């Protein structure tokens, strides 16, 4: 089991190992893309971890993450001419979209890109 938070989006199987959680609702693919990005991973490690004996992620901390709503995220990128209305979000482009949404500096991008981070897999 990984010793860092990890997230997955899977439309076929509904199994989770303790102390994991299942999330239901709208925009789950978008949410999983955001949660599995280097940027959110950095925020989790730096500002939102801290529960339990080993500083693991607790659900109540996850609820505090400042992940923008999907429609606001996409509308902002369209307004900045960063994404076209017909473009779709995917794991290969999400990091650059997040950097653009938050107007990160080159130094901030560099710090985040230096993370030792394993991406995720989306199953259908």
PDB file of N, CA and C in Angstrom:
ATOM      1  N   UNK A   1       0.842  -1.180   0.000  1.00  0.00           N
ATOM      2  CA  UNK A   1       0.000   0.000   0.000  1.00  0.00           C
ATOM      3  C   UNK A   1       0.886   1.242   0.000  1.00  0.00           C
ATOM      4  N   UNK A   2       0.620   2.211  -0.875  1.00  0.00           N
ATOM      5  CA  UNK A   2       1.424   3.430  -0.892  1.00  0.00           C
ATOM      6  C   UNK A   2       1.328   4.180   0.434  1.00  0.00           C
ATOM      7  N   UNK A   3       2.396   4.880   0.783  1.00  0.00           N
ATOM      8  CA  UNK A   3       2.418   5.632   2.026  1.00  0.00           C
ATOM      9  C   UNK A   3       2.051   7.099   1.786  1.00  0.00           C
ATOM     10  N   UNK A   4       1.578   7.406   0.606  1.00  0.00           N
ATOM     11  CA  UNK A   4       1.123   8.748   0.289  1.00  0.00           C
ATOM     12  C   UNK A   4      -0.320   8.644  -0.180  1.00  0.00           C
ATOM     13  N   UNK A   5      -1.064   9.758  -0.161  1.00  0.00           N
ATOM     14  CA  UNK A   5      -2.445   9.689  -0.636  1.00  0.00           C
ATOM     15  C   UNK A   5      -2.484   9.326  -2.119  1.00  0.00           C
ATOM     16  N   UNK A   6      -3.444   8.555  -2.503  1.00  0.00           N
ATOM     17  CA  UNK A   6      -3.635   8.277  -3.917  1.00  0.00           C
ATOM     18  C   UNK A   6      -5.120   8.163  -4.199  1.00  0.00           C
ATOM     19  N   UNK A   7      -5.471   8.414  -5.452  1.00  0.00           N
ATOM     20  CA  UNK A   7      -6.865   8.439  -5.856  1.00  0.00           C
ATOM     21  C   UNK A   7      -6.994   7.696  -7.173  1.00  0.00           C
ATOM     22  N   UNK A   8      -8.160   7.150  -7.430  1.00  0.00           N
ATOM     23  CA  UNK A   8      -8.409   6.449  -8.682  1.00  0.00           C
ATOM     24  C   UNK A   8      -9.844   6.671  -9.115  1.00  0.00           C
ATOM     25  N   UNK A   9     -10.042   6.636 -10.406  1.00  0.00           N
ATOM     26  CA  UNK A   9     -11.375   6.740 -10.979  1.00  0.00           C
ATOM     27  C   UNK A   9     -11.618   5.439 -11.731  1.00  0.00           C
ATOM     28  N   UNK A  10     -12.628   4.708 -11.351  1.00  0.00           N
ATOM     29  CA  UNK A  10     -12.899   3.418 -11.953  1.00  0.00           C
ATOM     30  C   UNK A  10     -14.414   3.256 -12.080  1.00  0.00           C
ATOM     31  N   UNK A  11     -14.869   2.977 -13.284  1.00  0.00           N
ATOM     32  CA  UNK A  11     -16.307   2.849 -13.501  1.00  0.00           C
ATOM     33  C   UNK A  11     -16.802   1.411 -13.429  1.00  0.00           C
ATOM     34  N   UNK A  12     -15.895   0.451 -13.212  1.00  0.00           N
ATOM     35  CA  UNK A  12     -16.291  -0.957 -13.204  1.00  0.00           C
ATOM     36  C   UNK A  12     -16.295  -1.598 -11.832  1.00  0.00           C
ATOM     37  N   UNK A  13     -15.410  -1.181 -10.956  1.00  0.00           N
ATOM     38  CA  UNK A  13     -15.253  -1.856  -9.672  1.00  0.00           C
ATOM     39  C   UNK A  13     -15.463  -0.882  -8.526  1.00  0.00           C
ATOM     40  N   UNK A  14     -16.053  -1.345  -7.463  1.00  0.00           N
ATOM     41  CA  UNK A  14     -16.324  -0.513  -6.298  1.00  0.00           C
ATOM     42  C   UNK A  14     -15.758  -1.199  -5.063  1.00  0.00           C
ATOM     43  N   UNK A  15     -14.471  -1.158  -4.939  1.00  0.00           N
ATOM     44  CA  UNK A  15     -13.785  -1.798  -3.831  1.00  0.00           C
ATOM     45  C   UNK A  15     -12.769  -0.814  -3.283  1.00  0.00           C
ATOM     46  N   UNK A  16     -12.715  -0.715  -1.980  1.00  0.00           N
ATOM     47  CA  UNK A  16     -11.743   0.187  -1.376  1.00  0.00           C
ATOM     48  C   UNK A  16     -11.176  -0.484  -0.126  1.00  0.00           C
ATOM     49  N   UNK A  17      -9.893  -0.316   0.073  1.00  0.00           N
ATOM     50  CA  UNK A  17      -9.235  -0.859   1.262  1.00  0.00           C
ATOM     51  C   UNK A  17      -9.198   0.221   2.336  1.00  0.00           C
ATOM     52  N   UNK A  18      -9.363  -0.195   3.590  1.00  0.00           N
ATOM     53  CA  UNK A  18      -9.274   0.751   4.699  1.00  0.00           C
ATOM     54  C   UNK A  18      -7.870   1.337   4.737  1.00  0.00           C
ATOM     55  N   UNK A  19      -7.696   2.583   4.990  1.00  0.00           N
ATOM     56  CA  UNK A  19      -8.670   3.572   5.413  1.00  0.00           C
ATOM     57  C   UNK A  19      -9.212   4.395   4.252  1.00  0.00           C
ATOM     58  N   UNK A  20      -9.495   3.769   3.116  1.00  0.00           N
ATOM     59  CA  UNK A  20      -9.953   4.479   1.938  1.00  0.00           C
ATOM     60  C   UNK A  20     -11.404   4.904   1.996  1.00  0.00           C
ATOM     61  N   UNK A  21     -11.800   5.678   1.015  1.00  0.00           N
ATOM     62  CA  UNK A  21     -13.169   6.184   0.916  1.00  0.00           C
ATOM     63  C   UNK A  21     -13.640   6.082  -0.523  1.00  0.00           C
ATOM     64  N   UNK A  22     -14.918   5.905  -0.705  1.00  0.00           N
ATOM     65  CA  UNK A  22     -15.553   6.003  -2.012  1.00  0.00           C
ATOM     66  C   UNK A  22     -16.216   7.366  -2.096  1.00  0.00           C
ATOM     67  N   UNK A  23     -16.116   7.982  -3.254  1.00  0.00           N
ATOM     68  CA  UNK A  23     -16.742   9.290  -3.464  1.00  0.00           C
ATOM     69  C   UNK A  23     -17.779   9.128  -4.563  1.00  0.00           C
ATOM     70  N   UNK A  24     -18.959   9.673  -4.347  1.00  0.00           N
ATOM     71  CA  UNK A  24     -20.002   9.642  -5.361  1.00  0.00           C
ATOM     72  C   UNK A  24     -20.396  11.072  -5.687  1.00  0.00           C
ATOM     73  N   UNK A  25     -21.053  11.245  -6.810  1.00  0.00           N
ATOM     74  CA  UNK A  25     -21.529  12.571  -7.167  1.00  0.00           C
ATOM     75  C   UNK A  25     -21.251  12.903  -8.614  1.00  0.00           C
ATOM     76  N   UNK A  26     -21.333  14.177  -8.919  1.00  0.00           N
ATOM     77  CA  UNK A  26     -21.114  14.670 -10.274  1.00  0.00           C
ATOM     78  C   UNK A  26     -19.648  15.020 -10.485  1.00  0.00           C
ATOM     79  N   UNK A  27     -19.234  15.044 -11.720  1.00  0.00           N
ATOM     80  CA  UNK A  27     -17.891  15.475 -12.118  1.00  0.00           C
ATOM     81  C   UNK A  27     -16.780  14.650 -11.471  1.00  0.00           C
ATOM     82  N   UNK A  28     -16.993  13.357 -11.313  1.00  0.00           N
ATOM     83  CA  UNK A  28     -16.005  12.519 -10.639  1.00  0.00           C
ATOM     84  C   UNK A  28     -14.722  12.354 -11.446  1.00  0.00           C
ATOM     85  N   UNK A  29     -14.837  12.258 -12.761  1.00  0.00           N
ATOM     86  CA  UNK A  29     -13.615  12.149 -13.568  1.00  0.00           C
ATOM     87  C   UNK A  29     -12.794  13.431 -13.427  1.00  0.00           C
ATOM     88  N   UNK A  30     -13.447  14.574 -13.491  1.00  0.00           N
ATOM     89  CA  UNK A  30     -12.758  15.853 -13.299  1.00  0.00           C
ATOM     90  C   UNK A  30     -12.107  15.903 -11.922  1.00  0.00           C
ATOM     91  N   UNK A  31     -12.851  15.527 -10.890  1.00  0.00           N
ATOM     92  CA  UNK A  31     -12.310  15.556  -9.533  1.00  0.00           C
ATOM     93  C   UNK A  31     -11.100  14.630  -9.405  1.00  0.00           C
ATOM     94  N   UNK A  32     -11.187  13.447 -10.002  1.00  0.00           N
ATOM     95  CA  UNK A  32     -10.043  12.530  -9.922  1.00  0.00           C
ATOM     96  C   UNK A  32      -8.835  13.084 -10.669  1.00  0.00           C
ATOM     97  N   UNK A  33      -9.055  13.762 -11.798  1.00  0.00           N
ATOM     98  CA  UNK A  33      -7.941  14.406 -12.503  1.00  0.00           C
ATOM     99  C   UNK A  33      -7.276  15.460 -11.610  1.00  0.00           C
ATOM    100  N   UNK A  34      -8.090  16.250 -10.948  1.00  0.00           N
ATOM    101  CA  UNK A  34      -7.546  17.288 -10.072  1.00  0.00           C
ATOM    102  C   UNK A  34      -6.809  16.664  -8.884  1.00  0.00           C
ATOM    103  N   UNK A  35      -7.423  15.687  -8.230  1.00  0.00           N
ATOM    104  CA  UNK A  35      -6.810  15.075  -7.050  1.00  0.00           C
ATOM    105  C   UNK A  35      -5.517  14.340  -7.384  1.00  0.00           C
ATOM    106  N   UNK A  36      -5.392  13.863  -8.612  1.00  0.00           N
ATOM    107  CA  UNK A  36      -4.190  13.128  -9.010  1.00  0.00           C
ATOM    108  C   UNK A  36      -3.163  14.005  -9.716  1.00  0.00           C
ATOM    109  N   UNK A  37      -3.375  15.293  -9.704  1.00  0.00           N
ATOM    110  CA  UNK A  37      -2.402  16.199 -10.311  1.00  0.00           C
ATOM    111  C   UNK A  37      -1.259  16.468  -9.341  1.00  0.00           C
ATOM    112  N   UNK A  38      -0.113  16.844  -9.876  1.00  0.00           N
ATOM    113  CA  UNK A  38       1.032  17.195  -9.031  1.00  0.00           C
ATOM    114  C   UNK A  38       0.702  18.396  -8.150  1.00  0.00           C
ATOM    115  N   UNK A  39      -0.063  19.324  -8.672  1.00  0.00           N
ATOM    116  CA  UNK A  39      -0.385  20.541  -7.932  1.00  0.00           C
ATOM    117  C   UNK A  39      -1.191  20.230  -6.678  1.00  0.00           C
ATOM    118  N   UNK A  40      -2.230  19.436  -6.819  1.00  0.00           N
ATOM    119  CA  UNK A  40      -3.042  19.079  -5.654  1.00  0.00           C
ATOM    120  C   UNK A  40      -2.257  18.179  -4.714  1.00  0.00           C
ATOM    121  N   UNK A  41      -1.435  17.276  -5.271  1.00  0.00           N
ATOM    122  CA  UNK A  41      -0.577  16.437  -4.436  1.00  0.00           C
ATOM    123  C   UNK A  41       0.342  17.317  -3.582  1.00  0.00           C
ATOM    124  N   UNK A  42       0.911  18.348  -4.193  1.00  0.00           N
ATOM    125  CA  UNK A  42       1.775  19.281  -3.456  1.00  0.00           C
ATOM    126  C   UNK A  42       0.986  19.962  -2.327  1.00  0.00           C
ATOM    127  N   UNK A  43      -0.203  20.439  -2.645  1.00  0.00           N
ATOM    128  CA  UNK A  43      -1.039  21.095  -1.626  1.00  0.00           C
ATOM    129  C   UNK A  43      -1.382  20.127  -0.505  1.00  0.00           C
ATOM    130  N   UNK A  44      -1.726  18.890  -0.863  1.00  0.00           N
ATOM    131  CA  UNK A  44      -2.035  17.884   0.149  1.00  0.00           C
ATOM    132  C   UNK A  44      -0.857  17.672   1.087  1.00  0.00           C
ATOM    133  N   UNK A  45       0.319  17.451   0.523  1.00  0.00           N
ATOM    134  CA  UNK A  45       1.510  17.160   1.331  1.00  0.00           C
ATOM    135  C   UNK A  45       1.932  18.357   2.178  1.00  0.00           C
ATOM    136  N   UNK A  46       1.838  19.544   1.621  1.00  0.00           N
ATOM    137  CA  UNK A  46       2.349  20.732   2.310  1.00  0.00           C
ATOM    138  C   UNK A  46       1.359  21.325   3.306  1.00  0.00           C
ATOM    139  N   UNK A  47       0.064  21.299   2.989  1.00  0.00           N
ATOM    140  CA  UNK A  47      -0.901  22.045   3.795  1.00  0.00           C
ATOM    141  C   UNK A  47      -2.049  21.231   4.396  1.00  0.00           C
ATOM    142  N   UNK A  48      -2.345  20.058   3.856  1.00  0.00           N
ATOM    143  CA  UNK A  48      -3.574  19.380   4.263  1.00  0.00           C
ATOM    144  C   UNK A  48      -3.392  18.025   4.925  1.00  0.00           C
ATOM    145  N   UNK A  49      -2.172  17.544   5.026  1.00  0.00           N
ATOM    146  CA  UNK A  49      -1.929  16.269   5.714  1.00  0.00           C
ATOM    147  C   UNK A  49      -1.824  16.552   7.211  1.00  0.00           C
ATOM    148  N   UNK A  50      -1.880  15.521   8.005  1.00  0.00           N
ATOM    149  CA  UNK A  50      -1.650  15.762   9.411  1.00  0.00           C
ATOM    150  C   UNK A  50      -2.530  15.006  10.368  1.00  0.00           C
ATOM    151  N   UNK A  51      -3.283  14.062   9.901  1.00  0.00           N
ATOM    152  CA  UNK A  51      -4.110  13.299  10.824  1.00  0.00           C
ATOM    153  C   UNK A  51      -3.407  12.045  11.289  1.00  0.00           C
ATOM    154  N   UNK A  52      -3.846  11.506  12.382  1.00  0.00           N
ATOM    155  CA  UNK A  52      -3.340  10.223  12.858  1.00  0.00           C
ATOM    156  C   UNK A  52      -1.898  10.228  13.314  1.00  0.00           C
ATOM    157  N   UNK A  53      -1.368   9.053  13.538  1.00  0.00           N
ATOM    158  CA  UNK A  53      -0.017   8.881  14.066  1.00  0.00           C
ATOM    159  C   UNK A  53       1.045   9.261  13.034  1.00  0.00           C
ATOM    160  N   UNK A  54       0.840   8.903  11.779  1.00  0.00           N
ATOM    161  CA  UNK A  54       1.857   9.117  10.757  1.00  0.00           C
ATOM    162  C   UNK A  54       1.548  10.289   9.831  1.00  0.00           C
ATOM    163  N   UNK A  55       0.653  11.171  10.197  1.00  0.00           N
ATOM    164  CA  UNK A  55       0.334  12.334   9.388  1.00  0.00           C
ATOM    165  C   UNK A  55      -0.417  12.023   8.117  1.00  0.00           C
ATOM    166  N   UNK A  56      -1.209  10.957   8.125  1.00  0.00           N
ATOM    167  CA  UNK A  56      -1.926  10.575   6.917  1.00  0.00           C
ATOM    168  C   UNK A  56      -3.072  11.549   6.629  1.00  0.00           C
ATOM    169  N   UNK A  57      -3.588  11.408   5.438  1.00  0.00           N
ATOM    170  CA  UNK A  57      -4.697  12.247   5.006  1.00  0.00           C
ATOM    171  C   UNK A  57      -5.986  11.774   5.659  1.00  0.00           C
ATOM    172  N   UNK A  58      -6.714  12.677   6.243  1.00  0.00           N
ATOM    173  CA  UNK A  58      -8.022  12.382   6.823  1.00  0.00           C
ATOM    174  C   UNK A  58      -9.098  12.999   5.930  1.00  0.00           C
ATOM    175  N   UNK A  59     -10.248  12.345   5.870  1.00  0.00           N
ATOM    176  CA  UNK A  59     -11.324  12.795   4.999  1.00  0.00           C
ATOM    177  C   UNK A  59     -11.723  14.242   5.271  1.00  0.00           C
ATOM    178  N   UNK A  60     -11.781  14.637   6.531  1.00  0.00           N
ATOM    179  CA  UNK A  60     -12.189  16.010   6.830  1.00  0.00           C
ATOM    180  C   UNK A  60     -11.188  17.024   6.280  1.00  0.00           C
ATOM    181  N   UNK A  61      -9.909  16.662   6.146  1.00  0.00           N
ATOM    182  CA  UNK A  61      -8.907  17.553   5.554  1.00  0.00           C
ATOM    183  C   UNK A  61      -9.083  17.627   4.042  1.00  0.00           C
ATOM    184  N   UNK A  62      -9.438  16.503   3.452  1.00  0.00           N
ATOM    185  CA  UNK A  62      -9.661  16.454   2.016  1.00  0.00           C
ATOM    186  C   UNK A  62     -10.803  17.380   1.612  1.00  0.00           C
ATOM    187  N   UNK A  63     -11.808  17.469   2.466  1.00  0.00           N
ATOM    188  CA  UNK A  63     -12.948  18.337   2.177  1.00  0.00           C
ATOM    189  C   UNK A  63     -12.575  19.816   2.147  1.00  0.00           C
ATOM    190  N   UNK A  64     -11.435  20.180   2.714  1.00  0.00           N
ATOM    191  CA  UNK A  64     -10.992  21.579   2.744  1.00  0.00           C
ATOM    192  C   UNK A  64     -10.174  21.996   1.521  1.00  0.00           C
ATOM    193  N   UNK A  65      -9.807  21.048   0.672  1.00  0.00           N
ATOM    194  CA  UNK A  65      -8.988  21.360  -0.499  1.00  0.00           C
ATOM    195  C   UNK A  65      -9.675  22.380  -1.402  1.00  0.00           C
ATOM    196  N   UNK A  66      -8.948  23.390  -1.849  1.00  0.00           N
ATOM    197  CA  UNK A  66      -9.551  24.407  -2.723  1.00  0.00           C
ATOM    198  C   UNK A  66      -9.566  23.982  -4.190  1.00  0.00           C
ATOM    199  N   UNK A  67     -10.309  22.930  -4.501  1.00  0.00           N
ATOM    200  CA  UNK A  67     -10.444  22.478  -5.879  1.00  0.00           C
ATOM    201  C   UNK A  67     -11.611  23.235  -6.498  1.00  0.00           C
ATOM    202  N   UNK A  68     -11.356  23.988  -7.582  1.00  0.00           N
ATOM    203  CA  UNK A  68     -12.455  24.752  -8.187  1.00  0.00           C
ATOM    204  C   UNK A  68     -13.499  23.838  -8.817  1.00  0.00           C
ATOM    205  N   UNK A  69     -14.733  24.291  -8.819  1.00  0.00           N
ATOM    206  CA  UNK A  69     -15.792  23.559  -9.504  1.00  0.00           C
ATOM    207  C   UNK A  69     -15.435  23.426 -10.975  1.00  0.00           C
ATOM    208  N   UNK A  70     -15.827  22.329 -11.574  1.00  0.00           N
ATOM    209  CA  UNK A  70     -15.449  22.066 -12.966  1.00  0.00           C
ATOM    210  C   UNK A  70     -15.895  23.183 -13.912  1.00  0.00           C
ATOM    211  N   UNK A  71     -17.139  23.640 -13.773  1.00  0.00           N
ATOM    212  CA  UNK A  71     -17.625  24.669 -14.698  1.00  0.00           C
ATOM    213  C   UNK A  71     -16.861  25.986 -14.534  1.00  0.00           C
ATOM    214  N   UNK A  72     -16.481  26.345 -13.327  1.00  0.00           N
ATOM    215  CA  UNK A  72     -15.702  27.564 -13.105  1.00  0.00           C
ATOM    216  C   UNK A  72     -14.303  27.400 -13.678  1.00  0.00           C
ATOM    217  N   UNK A  73     -13.705  26.237 -13.456  1.00  0.00           N
ATOM    218  CA  UNK A  73     -12.371  25.944 -13.970  1.00  0.00           C
ATOM    219  C   UNK A  73     -12.345  26.070 -15.492  1.00  0.00           C
ATOM    220  N   UNK A  74     -13.277  25.400 -16.165  1.00  0.00           N
ATOM    221  CA  UNK A  74     -13.315  25.400 -17.621  1.00  0.00           C
ATOM    222  C   UNK A  74     -13.661  26.792 -18.164  1.00  0.00           C
ATOM    223  N   UNK A  75     -14.654  27.472 -17.571  1.00  0.00           N
ATOM    224  CA  UNK A  75     -15.025  28.815 -18.034  1.00  0.00           C
ATOM    225  C   UNK A  75     -13.857  29.787 -17.901  1.00  0.00           C
ATOM    226  N   UNK A  76     -13.095  29.677 -16.831  1.00  0.00           N
ATOM    227  CA  UNK A  76     -11.934  30.549 -16.642  1.00  0.00           C
ATOM    228  C   UNK A  76     -10.889  30.289 -17.724  1.00  0.00           C
ATOM    229  N   UNK A  77     -10.622  29.025 -18.018  1.00  0.00           N
ATOM    230  CA  UNK A  77      -9.641  28.697 -19.049  1.00  0.00           C
ATOM    231  C   UNK A  77     -10.110  29.144 -20.425  1.00  0.00           C
ATOM    232  N   UNK A  78     -11.405  29.025 -20.694  1.00  0.00           N
ATOM    233  CA  UNK A  78     -11.951  29.508 -21.965  1.00  0.00           C
ATOM    234  C   UNK A  78     -11.807  31.028 -22.029  1.00  0.00           C
ATOM    235  N   UNK A  79     -12.114  31.711 -20.917  1.00  0.00           N
ATOM    236  CA  UNK A  79     -11.995  33.169 -20.869  1.00  0.00           C
ATOM    237  C   UNK A  79     -10.574  33.659 -21.061  1.00  0.00           C
ATOM    238  N   UNK A  80      -9.605  32.876 -20.634  1.00  0.00           N
ATOM    239  CA  UNK A  80      -8.195  33.230 -20.804  1.00  0.00           C
ATOM    240  C   UNK A  80      -7.636  32.738 -22.143  1.00  0.00           C
ATOM    241  N   UNK A  81      -8.494  32.175 -22.980  1.00  0.00           N
ATOM    242  CA  UNK A  81      -8.102  31.597 -24.271  1.00  0.00           C
ATOM    243  C   UNK A  81      -7.048  30.509 -24.119  1.00  0.00           C
ATOM    244  N   UNK A  82      -7.151  29.724 -23.062  1.00  0.00           N
ATOM    245  CA  UNK A  82      -6.206  28.641 -22.800  1.00  0.00           C
ATOM    246  C   UNK A  82      -6.774  27.317 -23.288  1.00  0.00           C
ATOM    247  N   UNK A  83      -8.066  27.191 -23.236  1.00  0.00           N
ATOM    248  CA  UNK A  83      -8.718  25.969 -23.677  1.00  0.00           C
ATOM    249  C   UNK A  83      -9.902  26.358 -24.553  1.00  0.00           C
ATOM    250  N   UNK A  84     -10.130  25.561 -25.584  1.00  0.00           N
ATOM    251  CA  UNK A  84     -11.292  25.786 -26.444  1.00  0.00           C
ATOM    252  C   UNK A  84     -12.491  25.090 -25.829  1.00  0.00           C
ATOM    253  N   UNK A  85     -13.654  25.551 -26.177  1.00  0.00           N
ATOM    254  CA  UNK A  85     -14.888  24.982 -25.648  1.00  0.00           C
ATOM    255  C   UNK A  85     -14.984  23.487 -25.926  1.00  0.00           C
ATOM    256  N   UNK A  86     -14.422  23.038 -27.045  1.00  0.00           N
ATOM    257  CA  UNK A  86     -14.524  21.630 -27.430  1.00  0.00           C
ATOM    258  C   UNK A  86     -13.423  20.765 -26.838  1.00  0.00           C
ATOM    259  N   UNK A  87     -12.393  21.342 -26.255  1.00  0.00           N
ATOM    260  CA  UNK A  87     -11.310  20.557 -25.654  1.00  0.00           C
ATOM    261  C   UNK A  87     -11.816  19.800 -24.443  1.00  0.00           C
ATOM    262  N   UNK A  88     -11.219  18.655 -24.181  1.00  0.00           N
ATOM    263  CA  UNK A  88     -11.563  17.906 -22.974  1.00  0.00           C
ATOM    264  C   UNK A  88     -10.358  17.875 -22.049  1.00  0.00           C
ATOM    265  N   UNK A  89     -10.638  17.781 -20.776  1.00  0.00           N
ATOM    266  CA  UNK A  89      -9.574  17.694 -19.789  1.00  0.00           C
ATOM    267  C   UNK A  89      -9.078  16.256 -19.738  1.00  0.00           C
ATOM    268  N   UNK A  90      -7.775  16.091 -19.676  1.00  0.00           N
ATOM    269  CA  UNK A  90      -7.206  14.747 -19.539  1.00  0.00           C
ATOM    270  C   UNK A  90      -5.945  14.819 -18.705  1.00  0.00           C
ATOM    271  N   UNK A  91      -5.438  13.659 -18.286  1.00  0.00           N
ATOM    272  CA  UNK A  91      -4.314  13.631 -17.354  1.00  0.00           C
ATOM    273  C   UNK A  91      -3.037  14.191 -17.965  1.00  0.00           C
ATOM    274  N   UNK A  92      -2.930  14.208 -19.304  1.00  0.00           N
ATOM    275  CA  UNK A  92      -1.729  14.737 -19.934  1.00  0.00           C
ATOM    276  C   UNK A  92      -1.683  16.262 -19.944  1.00  0.00           C
ATOM    277  N   UNK A  93      -2.839  16.910 -19.907  1.00  0.00           N
ATOM    278  CA  UNK A  93      -2.867  18.366 -19.988  1.00  0.00           C
ATOM    279  C   UNK A  93      -3.315  19.051 -18.704  1.00  0.00           C
ATOM    280  N   UNK A  94      -3.799  18.297 -17.733  1.00  0.00           N
ATOM    281  CA  UNK A  94      -4.408  18.916 -16.553  1.00  0.00           C
ATOM    282  C   UNK A  94      -3.427  19.801 -15.788  1.00  0.00           C
ATOM    283  N   UNK A  95      -2.164  19.404 -15.694  1.00  0.00           N
ATOM    284  CA  UNK A  95      -1.197  20.189 -14.930  1.00  0.00           C
ATOM    285  C   UNK A  95      -1.018  21.583 -15.524  1.00  0.00           C
ATOM    286  N   UNK A  96      -0.868  21.662 -16.834  1.00  0.00           N
ATOM    287  CA  UNK A  96      -0.713  22.972 -17.475  1.00  0.00           C
ATOM    288  C   UNK A  96      -1.974  23.808 -17.318  1.00  0.00           C
ATOM    289  N   UNK A  97      -3.134  23.181 -17.381  1.00  0.00           N
ATOM    290  CA  UNK A  97      -4.385  23.903 -17.170  1.00  0.00           C
ATOM    291  C   UNK A  97      -4.459  24.450 -15.740  1.00  0.00           C
ATOM    292  N   UNK A  98      -4.046  23.651 -14.772  1.00  0.00           N
ATOM    293  CA  UNK A  98      -4.050  24.116 -13.382  1.00  0.00           C
ATOM    294  C   UNK A  98      -3.081  25.275 -13.211  1.00  0.00           C
ATOM    295  N   UNK A  99      -1.881  25.151 -13.777  1.00  0.00           N
ATOM    296  CA  UNK A  99      -0.893  26.236 -13.696  1.00  0.00           C
ATOM    297  C   UNK A  99      -1.474  27.523 -14.269  1.00  0.00           C
ATOM    298  N   UNK A 100      -2.170  27.410 -15.397  1.00  0.00           N
ATOM    299  CA  UNK A 100      -2.764  28.596 -16.032  1.00  0.00           C
ATOM    300  C   UNK A 100      -3.916  29.155 -15.219  1.00  0.00           C
ATOM    301  N   UNK A 101      -4.745  28.281 -14.674  1.00  0.00           N
ATOM    302  CA  UNK A 101      -5.891  28.718 -13.876  1.00  0.00           C
ATOM    303  C   UNK A 101      -5.433  29.559 -12.691  1.00  0.00           C
ATOM    304  N   UNK A 102      -4.386  29.100 -11.997  1.00  0.00           N
ATOM    305  CA  UNK A 102      -3.903  29.793 -10.803  1.00  0.00           C
ATOM    306  C   UNK A 102      -2.807  30.815 -11.102  1.00  0.00           C
ATOM    307  N   UNK A 103      -2.456  30.992 -12.369  1.00  0.00           N
ATOM    308  CA  UNK A 103      -1.408  31.953 -12.767  1.00  0.00           C
ATOM    309  C   UNK A 103      -0.106  31.725 -12.005  1.00  0.00           C
ATOM    310  N   UNK A 104       0.340  30.477 -11.947  1.00  0.00           N
ATOM    311  CA  UNK A 104       1.587  30.156 -11.258  1.00  0.00           C
ATOM    312  C   UNK A 104       2.778  30.773 -11.980  1.00  0.00           C
ATOM    313  N   UNK A 105       3.767  31.162 -11.203  1.00  0.00           N
ATOM    314  CA  UNK A 105       5.016  31.673 -11.775  1.00  0.00           C
ATOM    315  C   UNK A 105       5.853  30.487 -12.248  1.00  0.00           C
ATOM    316  N   UNK A 106       6.907  30.775 -12.996  1.00  0.00           N
ATOM    317  CA  UNK A 106       7.789  29.705 -13.453  1.00  0.00           C
ATOM    318  C   UNK A 106       8.453  29.002 -12.272  1.00  0.00           C
ATOM    319  N   UNK A 107       8.801  29.741 -11.223  1.00  0.00           N
ATOM    320  CA  UNK A 107       9.409  29.146 -10.028  1.00  0.00           C
ATOM    321  C   UNK A 107       8.426  28.196  -9.340  1.00  0.00           C
ATOM    322  N   UNK A 108       7.168  28.599  -9.224  1.00  0.00           N
ATOM    323  CA  UNK A 108       6.146  27.740  -8.606  1.00  0.00           C
ATOM    324  C   UNK A 108       5.947  26.466  -9.424  1.00  0.00           C
ATOM    325  N   UNK A 109       5.917  26.611 -10.747  1.00  0.00           N
ATOM    326  CA  UNK A 109       5.783  25.435 -11.615  1.00  0.00           C
ATOM    327  C   UNK A 109       6.973  24.499 -11.431  1.00  0.00           C
ATOM    328  N   UNK A 110       8.160  25.068 -11.334  1.00  0.00           N
ATOM    329  CA  UNK A 110       9.369  24.270 -11.163  1.00  0.00           C
ATOM    330  C   UNK A 110       9.328  23.463  -9.865  1.00  0.00           C
ATOM    331  N   UNK A 111       8.909  24.087  -8.763  1.00  0.00           N
ATOM    332  CA  UNK A 111       8.822  23.399  -7.473  1.00  0.00           C
ATOM    333  C   UNK A 111       7.850  22.224  -7.574  1.00  0.00           C
ATOM    334  N   UNK A 112       6.705  22.445  -8.164  1.00  0.00           N
ATOM    335  CA  UNK A 112       5.702  21.385  -8.289  1.00  0.00           C
ATOM    336  C   UNK A 112       6.176  20.280  -9.227  1.00  0.00           C
ATOM    337  N   UNK A 113       6.799  20.653 -10.333  1.00  0.00           N
ATOM    338  CA  UNK A 113       7.254  19.649 -11.297  1.00  0.00           C
ATOM    339  C   UNK A 113       8.402  18.793 -10.774  1.00  0.00           C
ATOM    340  N   UNK A 114       9.073  19.222  -9.726  1.00  0.00           N
ATOM    341  CA  UNK A 114      10.174  18.444  -9.152  1.00  0.00           C
ATOM    342  C   UNK A 114       9.687  17.339  -8.216  1.00  0.00           C
ATOM    343  N   UNK A 115       8.403  17.292  -7.951  1.00  0.00           N
ATOM    344  CA  UNK A 115       7.866  16.262  -7.056  1.00  0.00           C
ATOM    345  C   UNK A 115       8.102  14.870  -7.608  1.00  0.00           C
ATOM    346  N   UNK A 116       8.435  13.952  -6.719  1.00  0.00           N
ATOM    347  CA  UNK A 116       8.497  12.546  -7.085  1.00  0.00           C
ATOM    348  C   UNK A 116       7.066  12.034  -6.983  1.00  0.00           C
ATOM    349  N   UNK A 117       6.436  11.889  -8.113  1.00  0.00           N
ATOM    350  CA  UNK A 117       4.994  11.658  -8.136  1.00  0.00           C
ATOM    351  C   UNK A 117       4.652  10.594  -9.163  1.00  0.00           C
ATOM    352  N   UNK A 118       3.820   9.670  -8.781  1.00  0.00           N
ATOM    353  CA  UNK A 118       3.325   8.656  -9.700  1.00  0.00           C
ATOM    354  C   UNK A 118       1.908   9.031 -10.092  1.00  0.00           C
ATOM    355  N   UNK A 119       1.649   9.061 -11.376  1.00  0.00           N
ATOM    356  CA  UNK A 119       0.331   9.429 -11.862  1.00  0.00           C
ATOM    357  C   UNK A 119      -0.672   8.318 -11.587  1.00  0.00           C
ATOM    358  N   UNK A 120      -1.820   8.408 -12.160  1.00  0.00           N
ATOM    359  CA  UNK A 120      -2.878   7.444 -11.922  1.00  0.00           C
ATOM    360  C   UNK A 120      -3.395   6.923 -13.245  1.00  0.00           C
ATOM    361  N   UNK A 121      -4.256   5.967 -13.158  1.00  0.00           N
ATOM    362  CA  UNK A 121      -4.850   5.378 -14.350  1.00  0.00           C
ATOM    363  C   UNK A 121      -6.361   5.505 -14.263  1.00  0.00           C
ATOM    364  N   UNK A 122      -6.970   5.917 -15.348  1.00  0.00           N
ATOM    365  CA  UNK A 122      -8.435   5.995 -15.410  1.00  0.00           C
ATOM    366  C   UNK A 122      -8.911   4.741 -16.134  1.00  0.00           C
ATOM    367  N   UNK A 123      -9.802   3.995 -15.500  1.00  0.00           N
ATOM    368  CA  UNK A 123     -10.372   2.792 -16.117  1.00  0.00           C
ATOM    369  C   UNK A 123     -11.815   3.064 -16.489  1.00  0.00           C
ATOM    370  N   UNK A 124     -12.221   2.471 -17.582  1.00  0.00           N
ATOM    371  CA  UNK A 124     -13.615   2.620 -18.025  1.00  0.00           C
ATOM    372  C   UNK A 124     -14.306   1.297 -17.993  1.00  0.00           C
TER     373      UNK A 124
END
